[in-house]
PDB file of all heavy atoms in Angstrom:
ATOM      1  N   PHE A   1       4.965  -7.907   7.562  1.00  0.00           N
ATOM      2  CA  PHE A   1       6.144  -7.276   6.976  1.00  0.00           C
ATOM      3  C   PHE A   1       5.800  -6.197   5.956  1.00  0.00           C
ATOM      4  O   PHE A   1       6.444  -6.057   4.924  1.00  0.00           O
ATOM      5  CB  PHE A   1       7.087  -8.304   6.350  1.00  0.00           C
ATOM      6  CG  PHE A   1       7.623  -9.300   7.328  1.00  0.00           C
ATOM      7  CD1 PHE A   1       7.226 -10.625   7.280  1.00  0.00           C
ATOM      8  CD2 PHE A   1       8.509  -8.915   8.313  1.00  0.00           C
ATOM      9  CE1 PHE A   1       7.699 -11.551   8.187  1.00  0.00           C
ATOM     10  CE2 PHE A   1       9.001  -9.838   9.227  1.00  0.00           C
ATOM     11  CZ  PHE A   1       8.594 -11.161   9.160  1.00  0.00           C
ATOM     12  N   VAL A   2       4.776  -5.411   6.234  1.00  0.00           N
ATOM     13  CA  VAL A   2       4.386  -4.294   5.379  1.00  0.00           C
ATOM     14  C   VAL A   2       4.822  -3.003   6.047  1.00  0.00           C
ATOM     15  O   VAL A   2       4.680  -2.846   7.260  1.00  0.00           O
ATOM     16  CB  VAL A   2       2.853  -4.283   5.149  1.00  0.00           C
ATOM     17  CG1 VAL A   2       2.395  -2.980   4.507  1.00  0.00           C
ATOM     18  CG2 VAL A   2       2.446  -5.473   4.287  1.00  0.00           C
ATOM     19  N   GLU A   3       5.343  -2.067   5.251  1.00  0.00           N
ATOM     20  CA  GLU A   3       5.614  -0.712   5.731  1.00  0.00           C
ATOM     21  C   GLU A   3       4.784   0.258   4.913  1.00  0.00           C
ATOM     22  O   GLU A   3       4.771   0.190   3.682  1.00  0.00           O
ATOM     23  CB  GLU A   3       7.083  -0.340   5.614  1.00  0.00           C
ATOM     24  CG  GLU A   3       7.333   1.080   6.093  1.00  0.00           C
ATOM     25  CD  GLU A   3       8.791   1.442   6.302  1.00  0.00           C
ATOM     26  OE1 GLU A   3       9.602   0.543   6.575  1.00  0.00           O
ATOM     27  OE2 GLU A   3       9.112   2.634   6.178  1.00  0.00           O
ATOM     28  N   ILE A   4       4.101   1.166   5.625  1.00  0.00           N
ATOM     29  CA  ILE A   4       3.353   2.240   4.981  1.00  0.00           C
ATOM     30  C   ILE A   4       3.833   3.538   5.605  1.00  0.00           C
ATOM     31  O   ILE A   4       3.690   3.755   6.807  1.00  0.00           O
ATOM     32  CB  ILE A   4       1.829   2.071   5.151  1.00  0.00           C
ATOM     33  CG1 ILE A   4       1.391   0.700   4.609  1.00  0.00           C
ATOM     34  CG2 ILE A   4       1.101   3.202   4.424  1.00  0.00           C
ATOM     35  CD1 ILE A   4      -0.072   0.388   4.816  1.00  0.00           C
ATOM     36  N   GLN A   5       4.404   4.415   4.785  1.00  0.00           N
ATOM     37  CA  GLN A   5       5.050   5.629   5.267  1.00  0.00           C
ATOM     38  C   GLN A   5       4.091   6.802   5.400  1.00  0.00           C
ATOM     39  O   GLN A   5       2.963   6.768   4.914  1.00  0.00           O
ATOM     40  CB  GLN A   5       6.187   6.022   4.324  1.00  0.00           C
ATOM     41  CG  GLN A   5       7.319   5.042   4.306  1.00  0.00           C
ATOM     42  CD  GLN A   5       8.485   5.547   3.486  1.00  0.00           C
ATOM     43  OE1 GLN A   5       8.306   6.217   2.466  1.00  0.00           O
ATOM     44  NE2 GLN A   5       9.686   5.221   3.927  1.00  0.00           N
ATOM     45  N   LYS A   6       4.604   7.846   6.009  1.00  0.00           N
ATOM     46  CA  LYS A   6       3.823   9.073   6.211  1.00  0.00           C
ATOM     47  C   LYS A   6       3.347   9.612   4.871  1.00  0.00           C
ATOM     48  O   LYS A   6       4.020   9.491   3.847  1.00  0.00           O
ATOM     49  CB  LYS A   6       4.654  10.131   6.932  1.00  0.00           C
ATOM     50  CG  LYS A   6       5.770  10.692   6.086  1.00  0.00           C
ATOM     51  CD  LYS A   6       6.503  11.796   6.789  1.00  0.00           C
ATOM     52  CE  LYS A   6       7.582  12.299   5.841  1.00  0.00           C
ATOM     53  NZ  LYS A   6       8.140  13.537   6.269  1.00  0.00           N
ATOM     54  N   GLY A   7       2.158  10.187   4.909  1.00  0.00           N
ATOM     55  CA  GLY A   7       1.600  10.796   3.707  1.00  0.00           C
ATOM     56  C   GLY A   7       0.949   9.824   2.753  1.00  0.00           C
ATOM     57  O   GLY A   7       0.305  10.239   1.795  1.00  0.00           O
ATOM     58  N   ALA A   8       1.097   8.519   2.963  1.00  0.00           N
ATOM     59  CA  ALA A   8       0.416   7.534   2.116  1.00  0.00           C
ATOM     60  C   ALA A   8      -1.042   7.468   2.542  1.00  0.00           C
ATOM     61  O   ALA A   8      -1.366   7.610   3.725  1.00  0.00           O
ATOM     62  CB  ALA A   8       1.078   6.169   2.235  1.00  0.00           C
ATOM     63  N   LYS A   9      -1.934   7.239   1.570  1.00  0.00           N
ATOM     64  CA  LYS A   9      -3.370   7.138   1.849  1.00  0.00           C
ATOM     65  C   LYS A   9      -3.903   5.858   1.237  1.00  0.00           C
ATOM     66  O   LYS A   9      -3.735   5.622   0.039  1.00  0.00           O
ATOM     67  CB  LYS A   9      -4.109   8.351   1.284  1.00  0.00           C
ATOM     68  CG  LYS A   9      -3.706   9.636   1.972  1.00  0.00           C
ATOM     69  CD  LYS A   9      -4.463  10.826   1.430  1.00  0.00           C
ATOM     70  CE  LYS A   9      -3.979  12.090   2.126  1.00  0.00           C
ATOM     71  NZ  LYS A   9      -4.638  13.279   1.615  1.00  0.00           N
ATOM     72  N   ILE A  10      -4.567   5.074   2.078  1.00  0.00           N
ATOM     73  CA  ILE A  10      -5.121   3.794   1.657  1.00  0.00           C
ATOM     74  C   ILE A  10      -6.641   3.894   1.761  1.00  0.00           C
ATOM     75  O   ILE A  10      -7.167   4.230   2.821  1.00  0.00           O
ATOM     76  CB  ILE A  10      -4.613   2.642   2.561  1.00  0.00           C
ATOM     77  CG1 ILE A  10      -3.082   2.686   2.724  1.00  0.00           C
ATOM     78  CG2 ILE A  10      -5.112   1.300   2.040  1.00  0.00           C
ATOM     79  CD1 ILE A  10      -2.292   2.591   1.456  1.00  0.00           C
ATOM     80  N   GLY A  11      -7.353   3.601   0.680  1.00  0.00           N
ATOM     81  CA  GLY A  11      -8.810   3.690   0.663  1.00  0.00           C
ATOM     82  C   GLY A  11      -9.469   2.545   1.408  1.00  0.00           C
ATOM     83  O   GLY A  11      -8.815   1.732   2.063  1.00  0.00           O
ATOM     84  N   ASN A  12     -10.765   2.457   1.287  1.00  0.00           N
ATOM     85  CA  ASN A  12     -11.560   1.423   1.952  1.00  0.00           C
ATOM     86  C   ASN A  12     -11.455   0.082   1.228  1.00  0.00           C
ATOM     87  O   ASN A  12     -11.292   0.031   0.016  1.00  0.00           O
ATOM     88  CB  ASN A  12     -13.029   1.840   1.996  1.00  0.00           C
ATOM     89  CG  ASN A  12     -13.235   3.113   2.772  1.00  0.00           C
ATOM     90  OD1 ASN A  12     -12.629   3.337   3.816  1.00  0.00           O
ATOM     91  ND2 ASN A  12     -14.092   3.982   2.258  1.00  0.00           N
ATOM     92  N   ARG A  13     -11.552  -0.992   2.004  1.00  0.00           N
ATOM     93  CA  ARG A  13     -11.608  -2.367   1.495  1.00  0.00           C
ATOM     94  C   ARG A  13     -10.425  -2.732   0.607  1.00  0.00           C
ATOM     95  O   ARG A  13     -10.569  -3.465  -0.372  1.00  0.00           O
ATOM     96  CB  ARG A  13     -12.943  -2.627   0.791  1.00  0.00           C
ATOM     97  CG  ARG A  13     -14.139  -2.494   1.719  1.00  0.00           C
ATOM     98  CD  ARG A  13     -15.468  -2.596   1.003  1.00  0.00           C
ATOM     99  NE  ARG A  13     -15.610  -1.668  -0.119  1.00  0.00           N
ATOM    100  CZ  ARG A  13     -15.838  -0.364  -0.008  1.00  0.00           C
ATOM    101  NH1 ARG A  13     -15.963   0.193   1.180  1.00  0.00           N
ATOM    102  NH2 ARG A  13     -15.961   0.402  -1.079  1.00  0.00           N
ATOM    103  N   CYS A  14      -9.255  -2.239   0.947  1.00  0.00           N
ATOM    104  CA  CYS A  14      -8.037  -2.616   0.233  1.00  0.00           C
ATOM    105  C   CYS A  14      -7.389  -3.810   0.927  1.00  0.00           C
ATOM    106  O   CYS A  14      -7.577  -4.024   2.123  1.00  0.00           O
ATOM    107  CB  CYS A  14      -7.038  -1.462   0.220  1.00  0.00           C
ATOM    108  SG  CYS A  14      -7.564  -0.047  -0.761  1.00  0.00           S
ATOM    109  N   LYS A  15      -6.632  -4.575   0.174  1.00  0.00           N
ATOM    110  CA  LYS A  15      -5.851  -5.663   0.739  1.00  0.00           C
ATOM    111  C   LYS A  15      -4.406  -5.453   0.338  1.00  0.00           C
ATOM    112  O   LYS A  15      -4.094  -5.364  -0.859  1.00  0.00           O
ATOM    113  CB  LYS A  15      -6.339  -7.018   0.241  1.00  0.00           C
ATOM    114  CG  LYS A  15      -5.551  -8.151   0.867  1.00  0.00           C
ATOM    115  CD  LYS A  15      -6.040  -9.511   0.441  1.00  0.00           C
ATOM    116  CE  LYS A  15      -5.184 -10.566   1.098  1.00  0.00           C
ATOM    117  NZ  LYS A  15      -5.487 -11.903   0.575  1.00  0.00           N
ATOM    118  N   ILE A  16      -3.541  -5.372   1.345  1.00  0.00           N
ATOM    119  CA  ILE A  16      -2.114  -5.179   1.110  1.00  0.00           C
ATOM    120  C   ILE A  16      -1.406  -6.424   1.625  1.00  0.00           C
ATOM    121  O   ILE A  16      -1.369  -6.679   2.828  1.00  0.00           O
ATOM    122  CB  ILE A  16      -1.609  -3.910   1.809  1.00  0.00           C
ATOM    123  CG1 ILE A  16      -2.412  -2.706   1.299  1.00  0.00           C
ATOM    124  CG2 ILE A  16      -0.111  -3.737   1.591  1.00  0.00           C
ATOM    125  CD1 ILE A  16      -2.221  -1.444   2.090  1.00  0.00           C
ATOM    126  N   SER A  17      -0.857  -7.209   0.710  1.00  0.00           N
ATOM    127  CA  SER A  17      -0.241  -8.487   1.062  1.00  0.00           C
ATOM    128  C   SER A  17       1.148  -8.294   1.662  1.00  0.00           C
ATOM    129  O   SER A  17       1.746  -7.222   1.575  1.00  0.00           O
ATOM    130  CB  SER A  17      -0.161  -9.375  -0.179  1.00  0.00           C
ATOM    131  OG  SER A  17      -1.448  -9.590  -0.720  1.00  0.00           O
ATOM    132  N   SER A  18       1.659  -9.359   2.231  1.00  0.00           N
ATOM    133  CA  SER A  18       2.915  -9.321   2.990  1.00  0.00           C
ATOM    134  C   SER A  18       4.102  -8.798   2.170  1.00  0.00           C
ATOM    135  O   SER A  18       4.126  -8.888   0.949  1.00  0.00           O
ATOM    136  CB  SER A  18       3.249 -10.708   3.516  1.00  0.00           C
ATOM    137  OG  SER A  18       3.578 -11.577   2.464  1.00  0.00           O
ATOM    138  N   HIS A  19       5.060  -8.259   2.895  1.00  0.00           N
ATOM    139  CA  HIS A  19       6.346  -7.805   2.373  1.00  0.00           C
ATOM    140  C   HIS A  19       6.249  -6.633   1.391  1.00  0.00           C
ATOM    141  O   HIS A  19       7.154  -6.394   0.615  1.00  0.00           O
ATOM    142  CB  HIS A  19       7.114  -8.951   1.723  1.00  0.00           C
ATOM    143  CG  HIS A  19       7.431 -10.058   2.672  1.00  0.00           C
ATOM    144  ND1 HIS A  19       6.535 -11.073   2.943  1.00  0.00           N
ATOM    145  CD2 HIS A  19       8.515 -10.299   3.433  1.00  0.00           C
ATOM    146  CE1 HIS A  19       7.075 -11.891   3.823  1.00  0.00           C
ATOM    147  NE2 HIS A  19       8.271 -11.447   4.138  1.00  0.00           N
ATOM    148  N   SER A  20       5.157  -5.892   1.423  1.00  0.00           N
ATOM    149  CA  SER A  20       4.992  -4.765   0.498  1.00  0.00           C
ATOM    150  C   SER A  20       5.435  -3.456   1.144  1.00  0.00           C
ATOM    151  O   SER A  20       5.408  -3.306   2.362  1.00  0.00           O
ATOM    152  CB  SER A  20       3.545  -4.668   0.028  1.00  0.00           C
ATOM    153  OG  SER A  20       3.244  -5.763  -0.810  1.00  0.00           O
ATOM    154  N   PHE A  21       5.841  -2.508   0.291  1.00  0.00           N
ATOM    155  CA  PHE A  21       6.333  -1.209   0.735  1.00  0.00           C
ATOM    156  C   PHE A  21       5.541  -0.120   0.027  1.00  0.00           C
ATOM    157  O   PHE A  21       5.573  -0.025  -1.199  1.00  0.00           O
ATOM    158  CB  PHE A  21       7.826  -1.073   0.396  1.00  0.00           C
ATOM    159  CG  PHE A  21       8.390   0.272   0.721  1.00  0.00           C
ATOM    160  CD1 PHE A  21       8.540   0.689   2.035  1.00  0.00           C
ATOM    161  CD2 PHE A  21       8.764   1.138  -0.298  1.00  0.00           C
ATOM    162  CE1 PHE A  21       9.062   1.942   2.333  1.00  0.00           C
ATOM    163  CE2 PHE A  21       9.286   2.392  -0.011  1.00  0.00           C
ATOM    164  CZ  PHE A  21       9.433   2.783   1.308  1.00  0.00           C
ATOM    165  N   ILE A  22       4.832   0.677   0.822  1.00  0.00           N
ATOM    166  CA  ILE A  22       4.037   1.776   0.284  1.00  0.00           C
ATOM    167  C   ILE A  22       4.620   3.064   0.858  1.00  0.00           C
ATOM    168  O   ILE A  22       4.479   3.353   2.047  1.00  0.00           O
ATOM    169  CB  ILE A  22       2.550   1.605   0.633  1.00  0.00           C
ATOM    170  CG1 ILE A  22       2.057   0.282   0.032  1.00  0.00           C
ATOM    171  CG2 ILE A  22       1.748   2.792   0.120  1.00  0.00           C
ATOM    172  CD1 ILE A  22       0.657  -0.068   0.366  1.00  0.00           C
ATOM    173  N   CYS A  23       5.274   3.811   0.005  1.00  0.00           N
ATOM    174  CA  CYS A  23       6.019   4.978   0.470  1.00  0.00           C
ATOM    175  C   CYS A  23       5.189   6.250   0.439  1.00  0.00           C
ATOM    176  O   CYS A  23       4.063   6.283  -0.078  1.00  0.00           O
ATOM    177  CB  CYS A  23       7.291   5.156  -0.352  1.00  0.00           C
ATOM    178  SG  CYS A  23       7.017   5.282  -2.117  1.00  0.00           S
ATOM    179  N   GLU A  24       5.770   7.285   0.983  1.00  0.00           N
ATOM    180  CA  GLU A  24       5.158   8.613   0.989  1.00  0.00           C
ATOM    181  C   GLU A  24       4.776   8.996  -0.433  1.00  0.00           C
ATOM    182  O   GLU A  24       5.506   8.738  -1.388  1.00  0.00           O
ATOM    183  CB  GLU A  24       6.160   9.625   1.553  1.00  0.00           C
ATOM    184  CG  GLU A  24       5.640  11.025   1.631  1.00  0.00           C
ATOM    185  CD  GLU A  24       6.622  11.997   2.262  1.00  0.00           C
ATOM    186  OE1 GLU A  24       7.677  11.565   2.752  1.00  0.00           O
ATOM    187  OE2 GLU A  24       6.322  13.200   2.245  1.00  0.00           O
ATOM    188  N   GLY A  25       3.586   9.597  -0.586  1.00  0.00           N
ATOM    189  CA  GLY A  25       3.140  10.056  -1.893  1.00  0.00           C
ATOM    190  C   GLY A  25       2.259   9.072  -2.634  1.00  0.00           C
ATOM    191  O   GLY A  25       1.729   9.390  -3.694  1.00  0.00           O
ATOM    192  N   VAL A  26       2.077   7.869  -2.087  1.00  0.00           N
ATOM    193  CA  VAL A  26       1.246   6.861  -2.749  1.00  0.00           C
ATOM    194  C   VAL A  26      -0.177   6.975  -2.230  1.00  0.00           C
ATOM    195  O   VAL A  26      -0.409   7.054  -1.029  1.00  0.00           O
ATOM    196  CB  VAL A  26       1.798   5.442  -2.515  1.00  0.00           C
ATOM    197  CG1 VAL A  26       0.830   4.383  -3.035  1.00  0.00           C
ATOM    198  CG2 VAL A  26       3.159   5.292  -3.178  1.00  0.00           C
ATOM    199  N   MET A  27      -1.139   6.949  -3.160  1.00  0.00           N
ATOM    200  CA  MET A  27      -2.547   6.930  -2.792  1.00  0.00           C
ATOM    201  C   MET A  27      -3.205   5.743  -3.466  1.00  0.00           C
ATOM    202  O   MET A  27      -3.133   5.598  -4.692  1.00  0.00           O
ATOM    203  CB  MET A  27      -3.255   8.203  -3.222  1.00  0.00           C
ATOM    204  CG  MET A  27      -4.714   8.200  -2.856  1.00  0.00           C
ATOM    205  SD  MET A  27      -5.516   9.736  -3.352  1.00  0.00           S
ATOM    206  CE  MET A  27      -7.198   9.352  -2.923  1.00  0.00           C
ATOM    207  N   LEU A  28      -3.827   4.883  -2.646  1.00  0.00           N
ATOM    208  CA  LEU A  28      -4.611   3.773  -3.155  1.00  0.00           C
ATOM    209  C   LEU A  28      -6.072   4.123  -2.941  1.00  0.00           C
ATOM    210  O   LEU A  28      -6.487   4.383  -1.810  1.00  0.00           O
ATOM    211  CB  LEU A  28      -4.305   2.477  -2.396  1.00  0.00           C
ATOM    212  CG  LEU A  28      -2.841   2.028  -2.284  1.00  0.00           C
ATOM    213  CD1 LEU A  28      -2.768   0.709  -1.519  1.00  0.00           C
ATOM    214  CD2 LEU A  28      -2.195   1.913  -3.645  1.00  0.00           C
ATOM    215  N   GLU A  29      -6.854   4.133  -4.004  1.00  0.00           N
ATOM    216  CA  GLU A  29      -8.283   4.364  -3.858  1.00  0.00           C
ATOM    217  C   GLU A  29      -8.935   3.094  -3.304  1.00  0.00           C
ATOM    218  O   GLU A  29      -8.257   2.120  -2.981  1.00  0.00           O
ATOM    219  CB  GLU A  29      -8.895   4.789  -5.192  1.00  0.00           C
ATOM    220  CG  GLU A  29      -8.443   6.177  -5.621  1.00  0.00           C
ATOM    221  CD  GLU A  29      -9.149   6.676  -6.870  1.00  0.00           C
ATOM    222  OE1 GLU A  29      -9.838   5.883  -7.558  1.00  0.00           O
ATOM    223  OE2 GLU A  29      -9.017   7.882  -7.170  1.00  0.00           O
ATOM    224  N   ASP A  30     -10.248   3.070  -3.209  1.00  0.00           N
ATOM    225  CA  ASP A  30     -10.978   1.942  -2.632  1.00  0.00           C
ATOM    226  C   ASP A  30     -10.797   0.661  -3.442  1.00  0.00           C
ATOM    227  O   ASP A  30     -10.648   0.691  -4.663  1.00  0.00           O
ATOM    228  CB  ASP A  30     -12.477   2.253  -2.570  1.00  0.00           C
ATOM    229  CG  ASP A  30     -12.807   3.408  -1.637  1.00  0.00           C
ATOM    230  OD1 ASP A  30     -11.950   3.778  -0.807  1.00  0.00           O
ATOM    231  OD2 ASP A  30     -13.926   3.937  -1.746  1.00  0.00           O
ATOM    232  N   GLU A  31     -10.826  -0.475  -2.714  1.00  0.00           N
ATOM    233  CA  GLU A  31     -10.859  -1.820  -3.300  1.00  0.00           C
ATOM    234  C   GLU A  31      -9.631  -2.166  -4.129  1.00  0.00           C
ATOM    235  O   GLU A  31      -9.710  -2.946  -5.087  1.00  0.00           O
ATOM    236  CB  GLU A  31     -12.146  -2.013  -4.114  1.00  0.00           C
ATOM    237  CG  GLU A  31     -13.389  -1.784  -3.289  1.00  0.00           C
ATOM    238  CD  GLU A  31     -14.661  -1.691  -4.108  1.00  0.00           C
ATOM    239  OE1 GLU A  31     -14.620  -1.904  -5.338  1.00  0.00           O
ATOM    240  OE2 GLU A  31     -15.710  -1.388  -3.511  1.00  0.00           O
ATOM    241  N   VAL A  32      -8.492  -1.640  -3.760  1.00  0.00           N
ATOM    242  CA  VAL A  32      -7.241  -1.948  -4.457  1.00  0.00           C
ATOM    243  C   VAL A  32      -6.603  -3.178  -3.815  1.00  0.00           C
ATOM    244  O   VAL A  32      -6.581  -3.322  -2.594  1.00  0.00           O
ATOM    245  CB  VAL A  32      -6.280  -0.742  -4.401  1.00  0.00           C
ATOM    246  CG1 VAL A  32      -4.874  -1.125  -4.868  1.00  0.00           C
ATOM    247  CG2 VAL A  32      -6.830   0.406  -5.237  1.00  0.00           C
ATOM    248  N   PHE A  33      -6.074  -4.064  -4.659  1.00  0.00           N
ATOM    249  CA  PHE A  33      -5.344  -5.236  -4.200  1.00  0.00           C
ATOM    250  C   PHE A  33      -3.860  -5.024  -4.478  1.00  0.00           C
ATOM    251  O   PHE A  33      -3.471  -4.713  -5.608  1.00  0.00           O
ATOM    252  CB  PHE A  33      -5.820  -6.504  -4.932  1.00  0.00           C
ATOM    253  CG  PHE A  33      -4.974  -7.700  -4.632  1.00  0.00           C
ATOM    254  CD1 PHE A  33      -5.169  -8.424  -3.464  1.00  0.00           C
ATOM    255  CD2 PHE A  33      -3.977  -8.090  -5.500  1.00  0.00           C
ATOM    256  CE1 PHE A  33      -4.374  -9.524  -3.171  1.00  0.00           C
ATOM    257  CE2 PHE A  33      -3.174  -9.193  -5.224  1.00  0.00           C
ATOM    258  CZ  PHE A  33      -3.373  -9.914  -4.053  1.00  0.00           C
ATOM    259  N   ILE A  34      -3.042  -5.220  -3.447  1.00  0.00           N
ATOM    260  CA  ILE A  34      -1.586  -5.147  -3.566  1.00  0.00           C
ATOM    261  C   ILE A  34      -1.043  -6.529  -3.239  1.00  0.00           C
ATOM    262  O   ILE A  34      -1.204  -7.026  -2.117  1.00  0.00           O
ATOM    263  CB  ILE A  34      -0.986  -4.094  -2.594  1.00  0.00           C
ATOM    264  CG1 ILE A  34      -1.581  -2.705  -2.848  1.00  0.00           C
ATOM    265  CG2 ILE A  34       0.533  -4.088  -2.686  1.00  0.00           C
ATOM    266  CD1 ILE A  34      -1.254  -2.103  -4.198  1.00  0.00           C
ATOM    267  N   GLY A  35      -0.409  -7.179  -4.204  1.00  0.00           N
ATOM    268  CA  GLY A  35       0.144  -8.517  -3.999  1.00  0.00           C
ATOM    269  C   GLY A  35       1.367  -8.492  -3.099  1.00  0.00           C
ATOM    270  O   GLY A  35       1.796  -7.452  -2.598  1.00  0.00           O
ATOM    271  N   HIS A  36       1.949  -9.655  -2.900  1.00  0.00           N
ATOM    272  CA  HIS A  36       3.125  -9.799  -2.047  1.00  0.00           C
ATOM    273  C   HIS A  36       4.340  -9.099  -2.656  1.00  0.00           C
ATOM    274  O   HIS A  36       4.537  -9.111  -3.875  1.00  0.00           O
ATOM    275  CB  HIS A  36       3.456 -11.284  -1.857  1.00  0.00           C
ATOM    276  CG  HIS A  36       2.336 -12.048  -1.233  1.00  0.00           C
ATOM    277  ND1 HIS A  36       2.090 -12.050   0.116  1.00  0.00           N
ATOM    278  CD2 HIS A  36       1.374 -12.824  -1.787  1.00  0.00           C
ATOM    279  CE1 HIS A  36       1.040 -12.797   0.372  1.00  0.00           C
ATOM    280  NE2 HIS A  36       0.580 -13.281  -0.771  1.00  0.00           N
ATOM    281  N   ASN A  37       5.116  -8.461  -1.800  1.00  0.00           N
ATOM    282  CA  ASN A  37       6.414  -7.886  -2.193  1.00  0.00           C
ATOM    283  C   ASN A  37       6.304  -6.795  -3.260  1.00  0.00           C
ATOM    284  O   ASN A  37       7.192  -6.625  -4.078  1.00  0.00           O
ATOM    285  CB  ASN A  37       7.346  -9.009  -2.668  1.00  0.00           C
ATOM    286  CG  ASN A  37       8.779  -8.552  -2.760  1.00  0.00           C
ATOM    287  OD1 ASN A  37       9.273  -7.830  -1.902  1.00  0.00           O
ATOM    288  ND2 ASN A  37       9.463  -8.952  -3.819  1.00  0.00           N
ATOM    289  N   VAL A  38       5.226  -6.032  -3.245  1.00  0.00           N
ATOM    290  CA  VAL A  38       5.077  -4.909  -4.179  1.00  0.00           C
ATOM    291  C   VAL A  38       5.828  -3.710  -3.616  1.00  0.00           C
ATOM    292  O   VAL A  38       5.774  -3.436  -2.413  1.00  0.00           O
ATOM    293  CB  VAL A  38       3.582  -4.573  -4.404  1.00  0.00           C
ATOM    294  CG1 VAL A  38       3.416  -3.265  -5.161  1.00  0.00           C
ATOM    295  CG2 VAL A  38       2.906  -5.726  -5.147  1.00  0.00           C
ATOM    296  N   THR A  39       6.520  -2.995  -4.499  1.00  0.00           N
ATOM    297  CA  THR A  39       7.309  -1.838  -4.087  1.00  0.00           C
ATOM    298  C   THR A  39       6.914  -0.611  -4.898  1.00  0.00           C
ATOM    299  O   THR A  39       6.845  -0.672  -6.126  1.00  0.00           O
ATOM    300  CB  THR A  39       8.819  -2.104  -4.296  1.00  0.00           C
ATOM    301  OG1 THR A  39       9.186  -3.260  -3.533  1.00  0.00           O
ATOM    302  CG2 THR A  39       9.659  -0.920  -3.862  1.00  0.00           C
ATOM    303  N   PHE A  40       6.674   0.471  -4.192  1.00  0.00           N
ATOM    304  CA  PHE A  40       6.439   1.771  -4.818  1.00  0.00           C
ATOM    305  C   PHE A  40       7.685   2.621  -4.638  1.00  0.00           C
ATOM    306  O   PHE A  40       8.397   2.497  -3.640  1.00  0.00           O
ATOM    307  CB  PHE A  40       5.244   2.479  -4.161  1.00  0.00           C
ATOM    308  CG  PHE A  40       3.930   1.845  -4.477  1.00  0.00           C
ATOM    309  CD1 PHE A  40       3.444   0.786  -3.725  1.00  0.00           C
ATOM    310  CD2 PHE A  40       3.161   2.301  -5.539  1.00  0.00           C
ATOM    311  CE1 PHE A  40       2.218   0.194  -4.010  1.00  0.00           C
ATOM    312  CE2 PHE A  40       1.927   1.721  -5.834  1.00  0.00           C
ATOM    313  CZ  PHE A  40       1.469   0.662  -5.071  1.00  0.00           C
ATOM    314  N   ILE A  41       7.923   3.508  -5.593  1.00  0.00           N
ATOM    315  CA  ILE A  41       9.078   4.414  -5.547  1.00  0.00           C
ATOM    316  C   ILE A  41       8.546   5.836  -5.633  1.00  0.00           C
ATOM    317  O   ILE A  41       7.612   6.104  -6.383  1.00  0.00           O
ATOM    318  CB  ILE A  41      10.034   4.100  -6.718  1.00  0.00           C
ATOM    319  CG1 ILE A  41      10.597   2.685  -6.551  1.00  0.00           C
ATOM    320  CG2 ILE A  41      11.141   5.131  -6.814  1.00  0.00           C
ATOM    321  CD1 ILE A  41      11.348   2.175  -7.738  1.00  0.00           C
TER     322      ILE A  41
END
């Protein structure tokens, strides 16, 4: 149940937990942890 939109960039070795929303314009560098149900605006 994760959505990652156009233009988002996810680095290496990241973990994105369930129910999270990563919208356009978000950049995660390497080794980032995203917990459950995290929302970016």
